[in-house]
Amino acid sequence: MQLSSHIPRKRFGQNFLRDHQVIQSIAAAIAPRPSDHLVEIGPGEGVLTSALLAQAGRLDVVEIDRDLVALLQRQWGNHERFFLHEADALRFDFGALAPKGDASLRVVGNLPYNISTPLMFHLFEHAARIDDMHFMLQKEVVDRICALPGDSSYGRLSIMTRYHCEAEWLFDVPPHCFYPAPKVMSAVVRLVPHRTREQAPSSFPALVAAAFNQRRKTLRNSLRQLVTDEQWQLAGIDPSSRAETLSLEDFMRLARVIWQ
């Protein structure tokens, strides 16, 4: 498709992918099938949209920029398998696109750096209805998603992503592939929600957040308002250690002891 003359807007964090080879690599990683129901977040100028729509059974796109909405409407508004939603993805009800509640959605997006983490947490709430997710993100965020205990990038995002999904780094994308070129490296990641998992206590996210809120402190100090000495012993966790040394399973065990 012919690229638009749309001027990228900083308030929407717009950096448009322009590299044809990267676009094809992302489409190949997703590998849409005629039976697939895809959801693209922030399609922008529609360069990936075109590749997805050629293969997917249905494509819903969520775009907040009204000028881009008009562009996308002109390009594919009459396509029988294309459905356009002018909305803020952070507030969009993705679950409504799969009303039967089965894991039928495949979500794709070149996510703006300024909303990528809250948007992923929003999507995790709909994980039961999502088959997989492929995102272009700031490489630093992908490093945090895929980090293991003890890594410098390991933290709240690592644990909460691992609780909901299996994560796989696919490839890096340099700044020159975008317009305007961002000042950071990007990367593509695949997230596959767990079909079965042990249910964590409702306060589990708050426990993880509190543990990493002041990550240089020992767990005894950062969680002194939540965990007693007896509970540390019951959980089998050394309170003099730091949050980045604990695995998902460690945090789950501690949460069960606290809220049993």
Protein backbone atom coordinates (compact mmCIF):
# COMPACT_ATOMS: atom_id res chain seq x y z
CA MET A 1 0.00 0.00 0.00
CA GLN A 2 1.03 3.63 -0.53
CA LEU A 3 2.29 5.28 2.67
CA SER A 4 0.33 8.25 4.00
CA SER A 5 1.48 11.80 4.60
CA HIS A 6 0.29 11.54 8.21
CA ILE A 7 2.56 13.40 10.63
CA PRO A 8 3.40 11.13 13.62
CA ARG A 9 2.00 12.46 16.90
CA LYS A 10 4.17 12.40 19.99
CA ARG A 11 1.18 12.29 22.34
CA PHE A 12 0.21 8.91 20.87
CA GLY A 13 3.82 7.69 20.86
CA GLN A 14 3.67 7.12 17.10
CA ASN A 15 6.71 5.57 15.39
CA PHE A 16 5.60 3.99 12.13
CA LEU A 17 7.28 0.81 10.92
CA ARG A 18 8.56 1.33 7.38
CA ASP A 19 10.95 -1.59 6.77
CA HIS A 20 9.37 -4.11 4.39
CA GLN A 21 11.61 -6.98 5.48
CA VAL A 22 10.72 -6.48 9.16
CA ILE A 23 7.01 -6.30 8.27
CA GLN A 24 7.29 -9.63 6.45
CA SER A 25 9.24 -11.15 9.36
CA ILE A 26 6.50 -10.17 11.80
CA ALA A 27 3.78 -11.51 9.50
CA ALA A 28 5.73 -14.77 9.11
CA ALA A 29 6.11 -15.11 12.90
CA ILE A 30 2.36 -14.65 13.34
CA ALA A 31 1.55 -16.92 10.37
CA PRO A 32 -2.18 -16.07 10.17
CA ARG A 33 -4.57 -18.78 8.99
CA PRO A 34 -7.98 -18.42 7.32
CA SER A 35 -9.63 -19.63 10.53
CA ASP A 36 -7.88 -17.02 12.73
CA HIS A 37 -9.52 -14.03 14.40
CA LEU A 38 -6.80 -11.39 14.67
CA VAL A 39 -6.84 -8.14 16.62
CA GLU A 40 -4.32 -5.44 15.70
CA ILE A 41 -3.65 -2.66 18.21
CA GLY A 42 -2.48 0.65 16.79
CA PRO A 43 -2.33 -0.28 13.09
CA GLY A 44 -1.05 3.18 12.21
CA GLU A 45 -0.61 3.47 8.46
CA GLY A 46 -1.69 -0.14 7.98
CA VAL A 47 1.56 -1.62 6.67
CA LEU A 48 1.17 -4.77 8.79
CA THR A 49 -2.62 -4.65 8.47
CA SER A 50 -2.36 -5.35 4.77
CA ALA A 51 -0.19 -8.45 5.32
CA LEU A 52 -2.48 -9.78 8.07
CA LEU A 53 -5.73 -9.19 6.22
CA ALA A 54 -4.46 -11.13 3.22
CA GLN A 55 -4.36 -14.31 5.31
CA ALA A 56 -6.56 -13.96 8.42
CA GLY A 57 -10.21 -14.96 8.59
CA ARG A 58 -11.22 -11.80 10.48
CA LEU A 59 -9.24 -8.73 11.50
CA ASP A 60 -10.37 -6.23 14.13
CA VAL A 61 -8.18 -3.14 14.47
CA VAL A 62 -8.16 -0.69 17.39
CA GLU A 63 -6.90 2.83 16.60
CA ILE A 64 -7.17 6.00 18.70
CA ASP A 65 -5.97 8.58 16.14
CA ARG A 66 -9.01 9.84 14.22
CA ASP A 67 -6.91 10.81 11.19
CA LEU A 68 -5.53 7.28 10.94
CA VAL A 69 -9.01 5.89 11.49
CA ALA A 70 -10.14 7.83 8.41
CA LEU A 71 -7.15 6.54 6.43
CA LEU A 72 -7.84 2.93 7.42
CA GLN A 73 -11.54 3.35 6.68
CA ARG A 74 -10.76 4.59 3.18
CA GLN A 75 -8.36 1.73 2.57
CA TRP A 76 -10.32 -1.24 3.91
CA GLY A 77 -13.70 0.01 5.09
CA ASN A 78 -15.54 -2.06 2.48
CA HIS A 79 -13.57 -5.25 3.15
CA GLU A 80 -15.89 -7.93 4.52
CA ARG A 81 -13.29 -9.28 6.97
CA PHE A 82 -12.07 -5.93 8.30
CA PHE A 83 -13.60 -4.32 11.41
CA LEU A 84 -12.41 -0.93 12.63
CA HIS A 85 -12.75 0.35 16.22
CA GLU A 86 -11.90 3.98 17.03
CA ALA A 87 -10.94 3.55 20.68
CA ASP A 88 -8.27 3.80 23.35
CA ALA A 89 -6.76 0.31 23.63
CA LEU A 90 -6.20 0.84 27.37
CA ARG A 91 -9.98 1.03 27.83
CA PHE A 92 -11.10 -1.26 25.05
CA ASP A 93 -13.02 -4.43 26.01
CA PHE A 94 -11.07 -7.06 24.10
CA GLY A 95 -13.14 -9.79 25.70
CA ALA A 96 -16.21 -8.53 23.84
CA LEU A 97 -14.59 -9.63 20.57
CA ALA A 98 -14.71 -13.25 21.78
CA PRO A 99 -18.08 -13.44 23.55
CA LYS A 100 -18.04 -17.24 23.83
CA GLY A 101 -15.14 -17.00 26.24
CA ASP A 102 -12.88 -19.39 24.37
CA ALA A 103 -9.24 -18.66 23.52
CA SER A 104 -9.92 -17.50 20.00
CA LEU A 105 -8.19 -14.12 19.64
CA ARG A 106 -4.71 -13.56 18.26
CA VAL A 107 -3.50 -10.11 19.28
CA VAL A 108 -0.85 -8.12 17.39
CA GLY A 109 0.58 -4.66 17.90
CA ASN A 110 3.41 -2.19 17.50
CA LEU A 111 2.77 -0.81 20.97
CA PRO A 112 3.62 2.79 21.89
CA TYR A 113 6.45 2.80 24.41
CA ASN A 114 4.58 5.05 26.84
CA ILE A 115 1.64 2.66 27.32
CA SER A 116 3.12 -0.76 26.56
CA THR A 117 3.28 -2.09 30.13
CA PRO A 118 -0.20 -0.97 31.29
CA LEU A 119 -1.65 -2.20 28.00
CA MET A 120 -0.16 -5.66 28.49
CA PHE A 121 -1.57 -5.79 32.03
CA HIS A 122 -4.95 -4.82 30.58
CA LEU A 123 -4.69 -7.66 28.04
CA PHE A 124 -3.69 -10.13 30.75
CA GLU A 125 -7.17 -9.58 32.21
CA HIS A 126 -8.56 -11.09 28.99
CA ALA A 127 -5.94 -13.87 28.71
CA ALA A 128 -8.57 -16.62 28.83
CA ARG A 129 -9.89 -15.39 25.48
CA ILE A 130 -6.51 -14.89 23.80
CA ASP A 131 -4.64 -17.59 21.92
CA ASP A 132 -1.39 -15.66 21.54
CA MET A 133 0.07 -12.14 21.33
CA HIS A 134 2.85 -10.75 19.14
CA PHE A 135 4.14 -7.31 20.10
CA MET A 136 6.76 -4.87 18.94
CA LEU A 137 8.11 -3.25 22.09
CA GLN A 138 11.07 -1.31 23.34
CA LYS A 139 13.87 -3.89 23.65
CA GLU A 140 14.36 -2.95 27.28
CA VAL A 141 10.76 -3.99 27.96
CA VAL A 142 11.22 -7.31 26.13
CA ASP A 143 14.37 -7.92 28.18
CA ARG A 144 12.34 -7.35 31.34
CA ILE A 145 9.56 -9.65 30.14
CA CYS A 146 11.95 -12.51 29.39
CA ALA A 147 14.34 -12.01 32.34
CA LEU A 148 15.00 -14.80 34.84
CA PRO A 149 15.62 -14.52 38.61
CA GLY A 150 19.00 -12.91 39.25
CA ASP A 151 19.04 -10.97 35.96
CA SER A 152 19.41 -7.21 36.25
CA SER A 153 16.23 -6.75 34.17
CA TYR A 154 14.17 -9.14 36.33
CA GLY A 155 11.25 -7.54 38.14
CA ARG A 156 7.50 -7.13 38.49
CA LEU A 157 6.84 -7.29 34.75
CA SER A 158 8.89 -10.51 34.45
CA ILE A 159 6.89 -12.23 37.18
CA MET A 160 3.43 -11.04 36.19
CA THR A 161 4.03 -11.92 32.54
CA ARG A 162 5.30 -15.36 33.51
CA TYR A 163 2.23 -15.87 35.69
CA HIS A 164 -0.06 -15.26 32.72
CA CYS A 165 2.01 -16.38 29.71
CA GLU A 166 4.97 -18.14 28.19
CA ALA A 167 7.22 -15.47 26.68
CA GLU A 168 9.62 -15.80 23.75
CA TRP A 169 11.90 -13.12 22.30
CA LEU A 170 11.81 -13.39 18.50
CA PHE A 171 14.12 -10.72 17.03
CA ASP A 172 15.40 -7.15 17.46
CA VAL A 173 14.40 -4.22 15.25
CA PRO A 174 16.80 -1.25 14.94
CA PRO A 175 15.64 2.39 15.04
CA HIS A 176 16.17 3.06 11.32
CA CYS A 177 13.25 0.75 10.50
CA PHE A 178 10.80 3.36 11.84
CA TYR A 179 9.64 6.85 10.99
CA PRO A 180 10.46 8.84 12.97
CA ALA A 181 13.38 6.76 14.21
CA PRO A 182 13.14 6.18 17.99
CA LYS A 183 16.21 6.63 20.16
CA VAL A 184 16.06 3.03 21.38
CA MET A 185 16.22 -0.49 19.97
CA SER A 186 12.94 -2.38 19.59
CA ALA A 187 12.18 -6.10 19.69
CA VAL A 188 9.37 -8.48 18.82
CA VAL A 189 8.08 -10.86 21.48
CA ARG A 190 5.56 -13.72 21.43
CA LEU A 191 3.32 -14.27 24.48
CA VAL A 192 1.20 -17.41 24.79
CA PRO A 193 -1.30 -17.39 27.69
CA HIS A 194 -1.33 -20.46 29.90
CA ARG A 195 -4.39 -22.60 29.33
CA THR A 196 -4.16 -23.98 32.85
CA ARG A 197 -2.41 -22.42 35.83
CA GLU A 198 -2.54 -22.38 39.61
CA GLN A 199 -4.77 -19.54 40.74
CA ALA A 200 -2.92 -16.97 42.83
CA PRO A 201 -4.53 -15.15 45.78
CA SER A 202 -6.21 -11.90 44.74
CA SER A 203 -3.54 -9.88 46.54
CA PHE A 204 -0.66 -11.60 44.70
CA PRO A 205 -0.08 -8.65 42.29
CA ALA A 206 0.13 -6.25 45.26
CA LEU A 207 2.68 -8.49 46.97
CA VAL A 208 4.90 -8.56 43.89
CA ALA A 209 4.56 -4.81 43.40
CA ALA A 210 5.49 -4.12 47.02
CA ALA A 211 8.52 -6.41 46.85
CA PHE A 212 9.96 -4.53 43.86
CA ASN A 213 8.87 -1.06 44.88
CA GLN A 214 12.22 -0.57 46.60
CA ARG A 215 14.20 -3.39 45.03
CA ARG A 216 17.48 -2.54 46.76
CA LYS A 217 15.95 -3.29 50.15
CA THR A 218 15.82 -6.77 51.62
CA LEU A 219 12.48 -8.52 51.51
CA ARG A 220 12.20 -8.20 55.29
CA ASN A 221 12.24 -4.41 54.92
CA SER A 222 10.18 -4.02 51.76
CA LEU A 223 7.46 -6.42 52.98
CA ARG A 224 7.56 -5.71 56.73
CA GLN A 225 3.92 -4.58 56.66
CA LEU A 226 2.77 -7.79 54.93
CA VAL A 227 4.88 -10.72 56.15
CA THR A 228 5.66 -11.89 59.71
CA ASP A 229 8.76 -13.80 60.79
CA GLU A 230 6.67 -16.95 61.17
CA GLN A 231 5.32 -16.59 57.63
CA TRP A 232 8.83 -16.27 56.19
CA GLN A 233 9.68 -19.58 57.87
CA LEU A 234 6.49 -21.26 56.66
CA ALA A 235 7.20 -20.14 53.09
CA GLY A 236 10.81 -21.30 53.31
CA ILE A 237 12.15 -17.95 52.07
CA ASP A 238 15.12 -16.07 53.49
CA PRO A 239 13.86 -12.56 54.36
CA SER A 240 17.38 -11.15 54.05
CA SER A 241 17.35 -11.87 50.30
CA ARG A 242 16.16 -9.37 47.68
CA ALA A 243 13.13 -9.53 45.42
CA GLU A 244 15.10 -10.18 42.21
CA THR A 245 16.29 -13.55 43.58
CA LEU A 246 12.78 -15.00 44.01
CA SER A 247 11.05 -17.02 41.29
CA LEU A 248 7.37 -16.89 40.38
CA GLU A 249 6.89 -20.07 42.41
CA ASP A 250 8.52 -18.43 45.46
CA PHE A 251 6.16 -15.46 45.29
CA MET A 252 3.16 -17.77 44.81
CA ARG A 253 4.18 -19.81 47.86
CA LEU A 254 4.64 -16.70 49.97
CA ALA A 255 1.26 -15.31 48.86
CA ARG A 256 -0.48 -18.56 49.85
CA VAL A 257 1.12 -18.46 53.30
CA ILE A 258 0.07 -14.83 53.84
CA TRP A 259 -3.50 -15.20 52.66
CA GLN A 260 -4.28 -18.82 53.49
